[in-house]
Amino acid sequence: YYYFDEGSFRHIAMDTVNPNGYADGSLDQAQFAWL
């Protein structure tokens, strides 16, 4: 996960993949705090 700024906008890319498996996603706690 990361972010970049351009003009009047902040663009934030999240990682929603759960490394524990299954197609659906979620965030880990550390990333949610970072967000």
All heavy atoms as atom14 arrays in JSON, in Angstrom:
{
  "sequence": "YYYFDEGSFRHIAMDTVNPNGYADGSLDQAQFAWL",
  "atom14_mask": [
    [1, 1, 1, 1, 1, 1, 1, 1, 1, 1, 1, 1, 0, 0],
    [1, 1, 1, 1, 1, 1, 1, 1, 1, 1, 1, 1, 0, 0],
    [1, 1, 1, 1, 1, 1, 1, 1, 1, 1, 1, 1, 0, 0],
    [1, 1, 1, 1, 1, 1, 1, 1, 1, 1, 1, 0, 0, 0],
    [1, 1, 1, 1, 1, 1, 1, 1, 0, 0, 0, 0, 0, 0],
    [1, 1, 1, 1, 1, 1, 1, 1, 1, 0, 0, 0, 0, 0],
    [1, 1, 1, 1, 0, 0, 0, 0, 0, 0, 0, 0, 0, 0],
    [1, 1, 1, 1, 1, 1, 0, 0, 0, 0, 0, 0, 0, 0],
    [1, 1, 1, 1, 1, 1, 1, 1, 1, 1, 1, 0, 0, 0],
    [1, 1, 1, 1, 1, 1, 1, 1, 1, 1, 1, 0, 0, 0],
    [1, 1, 1, 1, 1, 1, 1, 1, 1, 1, 0, 0, 0, 0],
    [1, 1, 1, 1, 1, 1, 1, 1, 0, 0, 0, 0, 0, 0],
    [1, 1, 1, 1, 1, 0, 0, 0, 0, 0, 0, 0, 0, 0],
    [1, 1, 1, 1, 1, 1, 1, 1, 0, 0, 0, 0, 0, 0],
    [1, 1, 1, 1, 1, 1, 1, 1, 0, 0, 0, 0, 0, 0],
    [1, 1, 1, 1, 1, 1, 1, 0, 0, 0, 0, 0, 0, 0],
    [1, 1, 1, 1, 1, 1, 1, 0, 0, 0, 0, 0, 0, 0],
    [1, 1, 1, 1, 1, 1, 1, 1, 0, 0, 0, 0, 0, 0],
    [1, 1, 1, 1, 1, 1, 1, 0, 0, 0, 0, 0, 0, 0],
    [1, 1, 1, 1, 1, 1, 1, 1, 0, 0, 0, 0, 0, 0],
    [1, 1, 1, 1, 0, 0, 0, 0, 0, 0, 0, 0, 0, 0],
    [1, 1, 1, 1, 1, 1, 1, 1, 1, 1, 1, 1, 0, 0],
    [1, 1, 1, 1, 1, 0, 0, 0, 0, 0, 0, 0, 0, 0],
    [1, 1, 1, 1, 1, 1, 1, 1, 0, 0, 0, 0, 0, 0],
    [1, 1, 1, 1, 0, 0, 0, 0, 0, 0, 0, 0, 0, 0],
    [1, 1, 1, 1, 1, 1, 0, 0, 0, 0, 0, 0, 0, 0],
    [1, 1, 1, 1, 1, 1, 1, 1, 0, 0, 0, 0, 0, 0],
    [1, 1, 1, 1, 1, 1, 1, 1, 0, 0, 0, 0, 0, 0],
    [1, 1, 1, 1, 1, 1, 1, 1, 1, 0, 0, 0, 0, 0],
    [1, 1, 1, 1, 1, 0, 0, 0, 0, 0, 0, 0, 0, 0],
    [1, 1, 1, 1, 1, 1, 1, 1, 1, 0, 0, 0, 0, 0],
    [1, 1, 1, 1, 1, 1, 1, 1, 1, 1, 1, 0, 0, 0],
    [1, 1, 1, 1, 1, 0, 0, 0, 0, 0, 0, 0, 0, 0],
    [1, 1, 1, 1, 1, 1, 1, 1, 1, 1, 1, 1, 1, 1],
    [1, 1, 1, 1, 1, 1, 1, 1, 0, 0, 0, 0, 0, 0]
  ],
  "atom14_positions": [
    [[0.85, -1.19, 0.0], [0.0, 0.0, 0.0], [0.88, 1.24, 0.0], [1.98, 1.24, 0.55], [-0.98, 0.0, 1.17], [-0.41, -0.39, 2.52], [0.13, 0.56, 3.38], [-0.46, -1.71, 2.96], [0.63, 0.22, 4.62], [0.05, -2.08, 4.2], [0.59, -1.1, 5.03], [1.09, -1.46, 6.26], [0.0, 0.0, 0.0], [0.0, 0.0, 0.0]],
    [[0.38, 2.3, -0.66], [1.18, 3.5, -0.86], [0.25, 4.63, -1.25], [-0.96, 4.43, -1.46], [2.23, 3.27, -1.96], [1.62, 2.96, -3.31], [1.28, 3.98, -4.21], [1.34, 1.64, -3.71], [0.69, 3.71, -5.43], [0.76, 1.35, -4.92], [0.44, 2.39, -5.78], [-0.16, 2.12, -6.99], [0.0, 0.0, 0.0], [0.0, 0.0, 0.0]],
    [[0.81, 5.84, -1.41], [0.02, 6.95, -1.93], [0.91, 7.83, -2.79], [2.14, 7.78, -2.72], [-0.62, 7.77, -0.8], [0.33, 8.7, -0.08], [0.53, 10.01, -0.52], [1.03, 8.27, 1.05], [1.41, 10.86, 0.15], [1.89, 9.12, 1.72], [2.08, 10.41, 1.26], [2.95, 11.25, 1.9], [0.0, 0.0, 0.0], [0.0, 0.0, 0.0]],
    [[0.28, 8.63, -3.64], [1.0, 9.67, -4.37], [0.08, 10.87, -4.53], [-1.15, 10.73, -4.53], [1.5, 9.18, -5.73], [0.42, 8.78, -6.71], [-0.03, 9.67, -7.67], [-0.14, 7.5, -6.68], [-1.02, 9.3, -8.59], [-1.12, 7.12, -7.58], [-1.57, 8.02, -8.54], [0.0, 0.0, 0.0], [0.0, 0.0, 0.0], [0.0, 0.0, 0.0]],
    [[0.66, 12.04, -4.61], [-0.08, 13.28, -4.77], [0.08, 13.8, -6.2], [1.17, 13.72, -6.78], [0.42, 14.35, -3.8], [0.1, 14.03, -2.36], [-0.89, 13.29, -2.1], [0.83, 14.49, -1.47], [0.0, 0.0, 0.0], [0.0, 0.0, 0.0], [0.0, 0.0, 0.0], [0.0, 0.0, 0.0], [0.0, 0.0, 0.0], [0.0, 0.0, 0.0]],
    [[-1.0, 14.33, -6.73], [-0.95, 14.96, -8.05], [-1.96, 16.1, -8.08], [-3.16, 15.86, -7.92], [-1.24, 13.96, -9.18], [-1.13, 14.6, -10.56], [-1.44, 13.62, -11.68], [-2.63, 13.37, -11.94], [-0.49, 13.1, -12.27], [0.0, 0.0, 0.0], [0.0, 0.0, 0.0], [0.0, 0.0, 0.0], [0.0, 0.0, 0.0], [0.0, 0.0, 0.0]],
    [[-1.47, 17.33, -8.25], [-2.37, 18.47, -8.29], [-3.18, 18.59, -7.02], [-2.64, 18.6, -5.91], [0.0, 0.0, 0.0], [0.0, 0.0, 0.0], [0.0, 0.0, 0.0], [0.0, 0.0, 0.0], [0.0, 0.0, 0.0], [0.0, 0.0, 0.0], [0.0, 0.0, 0.0], [0.0, 0.0, 0.0], [0.0, 0.0, 0.0], [0.0, 0.0, 0.0]],
    [[-4.49, 18.64, -7.18], [-5.39, 18.84, -6.04], [-5.81, 17.54, -5.38], [-6.71, 17.54, -4.55], [-6.64, 19.59, -6.51], [-6.31, 20.84, -7.06], [0.0, 0.0, 0.0], [0.0, 0.0, 0.0], [0.0, 0.0, 0.0], [0.0, 0.0, 0.0], [0.0, 0.0, 0.0], [0.0, 0.0, 0.0], [0.0, 0.0, 0.0], [0.0, 0.0, 0.0]],
    [[-5.14, 16.43, -5.71], [-5.63, 15.12, -5.26], [-4.53, 14.29, -4.61], [-3.37, 14.31, -5.03], [-6.21, 14.34, -6.44], [-7.38, 15.03, -7.07], [-7.19, 15.89, -8.15], [-8.66, 14.87, -6.56], [-8.26, 16.56, -8.73], [-9.73, 15.53, -7.13], [-9.54, 16.38, -8.21], [0.0, 0.0, 0.0], [0.0, 0.0, 0.0], [0.0, 0.0, 0.0]],
    [[-4.91, 13.56, -3.58], [-4.1, 12.5, -3.01], [-4.7, 11.17, -3.45], [-5.89, 10.9, -3.23], [-4.04, 12.59, -1.49], [-3.38, 11.36, -0.82], [-2.85, 11.68, 0.56], [-1.69, 12.57, 0.46], [-0.96, 12.92, 1.52], [-1.26, 12.47, 2.74], [0.07, 13.73, 1.37], [0.0, 0.0, 0.0], [0.0, 0.0, 0.0], [0.0, 0.0, 0.0]],
    [[-3.88, 10.33, -4.07], [-4.31, 9.02, -4.56], [-3.73, 7.95, -3.63], [-2.51, 7.89, -3.46], [-3.81, 8.8, -5.99], [-4.28, 9.86, -6.96], [-5.46, 9.76, -7.65], [-3.72, 11.03, -7.33], [-5.6, 10.82, -8.43], [-4.57, 11.61, -8.26], [0.0, 0.0, 0.0], [0.0, 0.0, 0.0], [0.0, 0.0, 0.0], [0.0, 0.0, 0.0]],
    [[-4.58, 7.14, -3.04], [-4.17, 6.16, -2.04], [-4.51, 4.75, -2.53], [-5.67, 4.43, -2.8], [-4.86, 6.41, -0.69], [-4.53, 7.81, -0.17], [-4.45, 5.35, 0.32], [-5.27, 8.18, 1.12], [0.0, 0.0, 0.0], [0.0, 0.0, 0.0], [0.0, 0.0, 0.0], [0.0, 0.0, 0.0], [0.0, 0.0, 0.0], [0.0, 0.0, 0.0]],
    [[-3.48, 3.92, -2.67], [-3.67, 2.53, -3.11], [-3.61, 1.61, -1.9], [-2.61, 1.58, -1.17], [-2.6, 2.15, -4.12], [0.0, 0.0, 0.0], [0.0, 0.0, 0.0], [0.0, 0.0, 0.0], [0.0, 0.0, 0.0], [0.0, 0.0, 0.0], [0.0, 0.0, 0.0], [0.0, 0.0, 0.0], [0.0, 0.0, 0.0], [0.0, 0.0, 0.0]],
    [[-4.67, 0.86, -1.68], [-4.73, -0.09, -0.57], [-4.42, -1.51, -1.08], [-4.55, -1.81, -2.27], [-6.13, -0.08, 0.06], [-6.56, 1.26, 0.61], [-8.15, 1.18, 1.5], [-9.3, 0.85, 0.14], [0.0, 0.0, 0.0], [0.0, 0.0, 0.0], [0.0, 0.0, 0.0], [0.0, 0.0, 0.0], [0.0, 0.0, 0.0], [0.0, 0.0, 0.0]],
    [[-4.02, -2.36, -0.18], [-3.84, -3.79, -0.45], [-4.92, -4.55, 0.3], [-4.85, -4.71, 1.52], [-2.45, -4.25, 0.0], [-2.3, -5.77, -0.03], [-3.13, -6.45, -0.66], [-1.33, -6.28, 0.6], [0.0, 0.0, 0.0], [0.0, 0.0, 0.0], [0.0, 0.0, 0.0], [0.0, 0.0, 0.0], [0.0, 0.0, 0.0], [0.0, 0.0, 0.0]],
    [[-5.94, -5.01, -0.41], [-7.07, -5.67, 0.23], [-6.99, -7.19, 0.17], [-7.97, -7.87, 0.48], [-8.39, -5.2, -0.42], [-8.33, -5.44, -1.84], [-8.62, -3.72, -0.18], [0.0, 0.0, 0.0], [0.0, 0.0, 0.0], [0.0, 0.0, 0.0], [0.0, 0.0, 0.0], [0.0, 0.0, 0.0], [0.0, 0.0, 0.0], [0.0, 0.0, 0.0]],
    [[-5.85, -7.74, -0.22], [-5.7, -9.19, -0.33], [-5.43, -9.77, 1.05], [-4.52, -9.32, 1.77], [-4.57, -9.57, -1.29], [-4.41, -11.09, -1.38], [-4.84, -8.98, -2.68], [0.0, 0.0, 0.0], [0.0, 0.0, 0.0], [0.0, 0.0, 0.0], [0.0, 0.0, 0.0], [0.0, 0.0, 0.0], [0.0, 0.0, 0.0], [0.0, 0.0, 0.0]],
    [[-6.19, -10.77, 1.43], [-5.97, -11.47, 2.7], [-5.01, -12.63, 2.44], [-5.36, -13.59, 1.77], [-7.29, -12.0, 3.25], [-7.14, -12.58, 4.66], [-6.05, -12.95, 5.08], [-8.24, -12.66, 5.39], [0.0, 0.0, 0.0], [0.0, 0.0, 0.0], [0.0, 0.0, 0.0], [0.0, 0.0, 0.0], [0.0, 0.0, 0.0], [0.0, 0.0, 0.0]],
    [[-3.77, -12.56, 2.96], [-2.8, -13.63, 2.69], [-3.2, -14.97, 3.27], [-2.58, -16.0, 2.95], [-1.51, -13.11, 3.34], [-1.97, -12.15, 4.38], [-3.21, -11.51, 3.84], [0.0, 0.0, 0.0], [0.0, 0.0, 0.0], [0.0, 0.0, 0.0], [0.0, 0.0, 0.0], [0.0, 0.0, 0.0], [0.0, 0.0, 0.0], [0.0, 0.0, 0.0]],
    [[-4.24, -14.99, 4.1], [-4.71, -16.25, 4.66], [-5.61, -17.03, 3.71], [-6.05, -18.12, 4.05], [-5.44, -15.97, 5.98], [-4.5, -15.43, 7.03], [-3.54, -16.09, 7.42], [-4.74, -14.21, 7.49], [0.0, 0.0, 0.0], [0.0, 0.0, 0.0], [0.0, 0.0, 0.0], [0.0, 0.0, 0.0], [0.0, 0.0, 0.0], [0.0, 0.0, 0.0]],
    [[-5.88, -16.46, 2.54], [-6.62, -17.19, 1.52], [-8.04, -16.72, 1.31], [-8.57, -15.9, 2.08], [0.0, 0.0, 0.0], [0.0, 0.0, 0.0], [0.0, 0.0, 0.0], [0.0, 0.0, 0.0], [0.0, 0.0, 0.0], [0.0, 0.0, 0.0], [0.0, 0.0, 0.0], [0.0, 0.0, 0.0], [0.0, 0.0, 0.0], [0.0, 0.0, 0.0]],
    [[-8.63, -17.2, 0.25], [-10.0, -16.95, -0.22], [-10.04, -15.7, -1.09], [-9.31, -14.74, -0.87], [-10.98, -16.87, 0.95], [-12.44, -16.86, 0.52], [-12.94, -17.85, -0.33], [-13.31, -15.87, 0.96], [-14.27, -17.84, -0.73], [-14.65, -15.86, 0.57], [-15.12, -16.85, -0.29], [-16.42, -16.83, -0.69], [0.0, 0.0, 0.0], [0.0, 0.0, 0.0]],
    [[-10.94, -15.72, -2.06], [-10.97, -14.68, -3.08], [-11.37, -13.32, -2.53], [-10.9, -12.28, -3.02], [-11.93, -15.09, -4.21], [0.0, 0.0, 0.0], [0.0, 0.0, 0.0], [0.0, 0.0, 0.0], [0.0, 0.0, 0.0], [0.0, 0.0, 0.0], [0.0, 0.0, 0.0], [0.0, 0.0, 0.0], [0.0, 0.0, 0.0], [0.0, 0.0, 0.0]],
    [[-12.27, -13.27, -1.54], [-12.69, -11.99, -0.99], [-11.54, -11.34, -0.2], [-10.58, -12.0, 0.18], [-13.91, -12.16, -0.1], [-15.2, -12.25, -0.91], [-15.12, -12.19, -2.16], [-16.27, -12.36, -0.3], [0.0, 0.0, 0.0], [0.0, 0.0, 0.0], [0.0, 0.0, 0.0], [0.0, 0.0, 0.0], [0.0, 0.0, 0.0], [0.0, 0.0, 0.0]],
    [[-11.7, -10.05, 0.07], [-10.61, -9.3, 0.67], [-10.92, -8.71, 2.03], [-12.03, -8.86, 2.58], [0.0, 0.0, 0.0], [0.0, 0.0, 0.0], [0.0, 0.0, 0.0], [0.0, 0.0, 0.0], [0.0, 0.0, 0.0], [0.0, 0.0, 0.0], [0.0, 0.0, 0.0], [0.0, 0.0, 0.0], [0.0, 0.0, 0.0], [0.0, 0.0, 0.0]],
    [[-9.96, -7.97, 2.58], [-10.07, -7.24, 3.84], [-8.74, -6.53, 4.06], [-7.78, -6.74, 3.31], [-10.39, -8.19, 5.02], [-9.49, -9.28, 5.07], [0.0, 0.0, 0.0], [0.0, 0.0, 0.0], [0.0, 0.0, 0.0], [0.0, 0.0, 0.0], [0.0, 0.0, 0.0], [0.0, 0.0, 0.0], [0.0, 0.0, 0.0], [0.0, 0.0, 0.0]],
    [[-8.68, -5.67, 5.08], [-7.43, -4.98, 5.44], [-6.88, -5.55, 6.74], [-7.64, -6.01, 7.6], [-7.68, -3.49, 5.64], [-8.14, -2.64, 4.45], [-8.28, -1.18, 4.88], [-7.19, -2.77, 3.27], [0.0, 0.0, 0.0], [0.0, 0.0, 0.0], [0.0, 0.0, 0.0], [0.0, 0.0, 0.0], [0.0, 0.0, 0.0], [0.0, 0.0, 0.0]],
    [[-5.56, -5.47, 6.88], [-4.99, -5.77, 8.19], [-5.04, -4.51, 9.05], [-5.2, -3.39, 8.55], [-3.55, -6.28, 8.04], [-2.64, -5.28, 7.36], [-2.11, -4.4, 8.04], [-2.49, -5.36, 6.12], [0.0, 0.0, 0.0], [0.0, 0.0, 0.0], [0.0, 0.0, 0.0], [0.0, 0.0, 0.0], [0.0, 0.0, 0.0], [0.0, 0.0, 0.0]],
    [[-4.91, -4.68, 10.35], [-5.06, -3.57, 11.28], [-4.01, -2.48, 11.05], [-4.32, -1.27, 11.12], [-4.96, -4.08, 12.72], [-6.08, -5.03, 13.12], [-7.38, -4.3, 13.45], [-7.4, -3.08, 13.56], [-8.47, -5.04, 13.58], [0.0, 0.0, 0.0], [0.0, 0.0, 0.0], [0.0, 0.0, 0.0], [0.0, 0.0, 0.0], [0.0, 0.0, 0.0]],
    [[-2.77, -2.86, 10.78], [-1.71, -1.87, 10.58], [-2.0, -1.02, 9.36], [-1.77, 0.21, 9.38], [-0.36, -2.58, 10.45], [0.0, 0.0, 0.0], [0.0, 0.0, 0.0], [0.0, 0.0, 0.0], [0.0, 0.0, 0.0], [0.0, 0.0, 0.0], [0.0, 0.0, 0.0], [0.0, 0.0, 0.0], [0.0, 0.0, 0.0], [0.0, 0.0, 0.0]],
    [[-2.49, -1.64, 8.31], [-2.8, -0.87, 7.1], [-3.98, 0.07, 7.32], [-3.99, 1.19, 6.8], [-3.1, -1.81, 5.92], [-3.37, -1.06, 4.63], [-3.73, -1.96, 3.47], [-4.05, -1.49, 2.4], [-3.68, -3.27, 3.65], [0.0, 0.0, 0.0], [0.0, 0.0, 0.0], [0.0, 0.0, 0.0], [0.0, 0.0, 0.0], [0.0, 0.0, 0.0]],
    [[-4.96, -0.36, 8.09], [-6.11, 0.5, 8.37], [-5.65, 1.75, 9.13], [-6.1, 2.87, 8.85], [-7.16, -0.27, 9.17], [-8.5, 0.39, 9.25], [-9.04, 1.09, 8.17], [-9.25, 0.31, 10.41], [-10.28, 1.7, 8.25], [-10.5, 0.92, 10.5], [-11.01, 1.61, 9.41], [0.0, 0.0, 0.0], [0.0, 0.0, 0.0], [0.0, 0.0, 0.0]],
    [[-4.73, 1.57, 10.06], [-4.19, 2.72, 10.79], [-3.41, 3.63, 9.85], [-3.5, 4.87, 9.93], [-3.28, 2.24, 11.93], [0.0, 0.0, 0.0], [0.0, 0.0, 0.0], [0.0, 0.0, 0.0], [0.0, 0.0, 0.0], [0.0, 0.0, 0.0], [0.0, 0.0, 0.0], [0.0, 0.0, 0.0], [0.0, 0.0, 0.0], [0.0, 0.0, 0.0]],
    [[-2.66, 3.03, 8.94], [-1.92, 3.81, 7.94], [-2.89, 4.59, 7.04], [-2.64, 5.75, 6.72], [-1.05, 2.88, 7.1], [-0.44, 3.53, 5.89], [0.75, 4.2, 5.82], [-1.0, 3.57, 4.57], [0.96, 4.66, 4.55], [-0.09, 4.3, 3.76], [-2.17, 3.08, 4.0], [-0.33, 4.53, 2.4], [-2.41, 3.32, 2.65], [-1.5, 4.03, 1.87]],
    [[-3.98, 3.94, 6.63], [-4.97, 4.61, 5.79], [-5.51, 5.85, 6.49], [-5.62, 6.94, 5.88], [-6.11, 3.64, 5.47], [-7.3, 4.22, 4.69], [-6.89, 4.64, 3.29], [-8.45, 3.2, 4.63], [0.0, 0.0, 0.0], [0.0, 0.0, 0.0], [0.0, 0.0, 0.0], [0.0, 0.0, 0.0], [0.0, 0.0, 0.0], [0.0, 0.0, 0.0]]
  ]
}
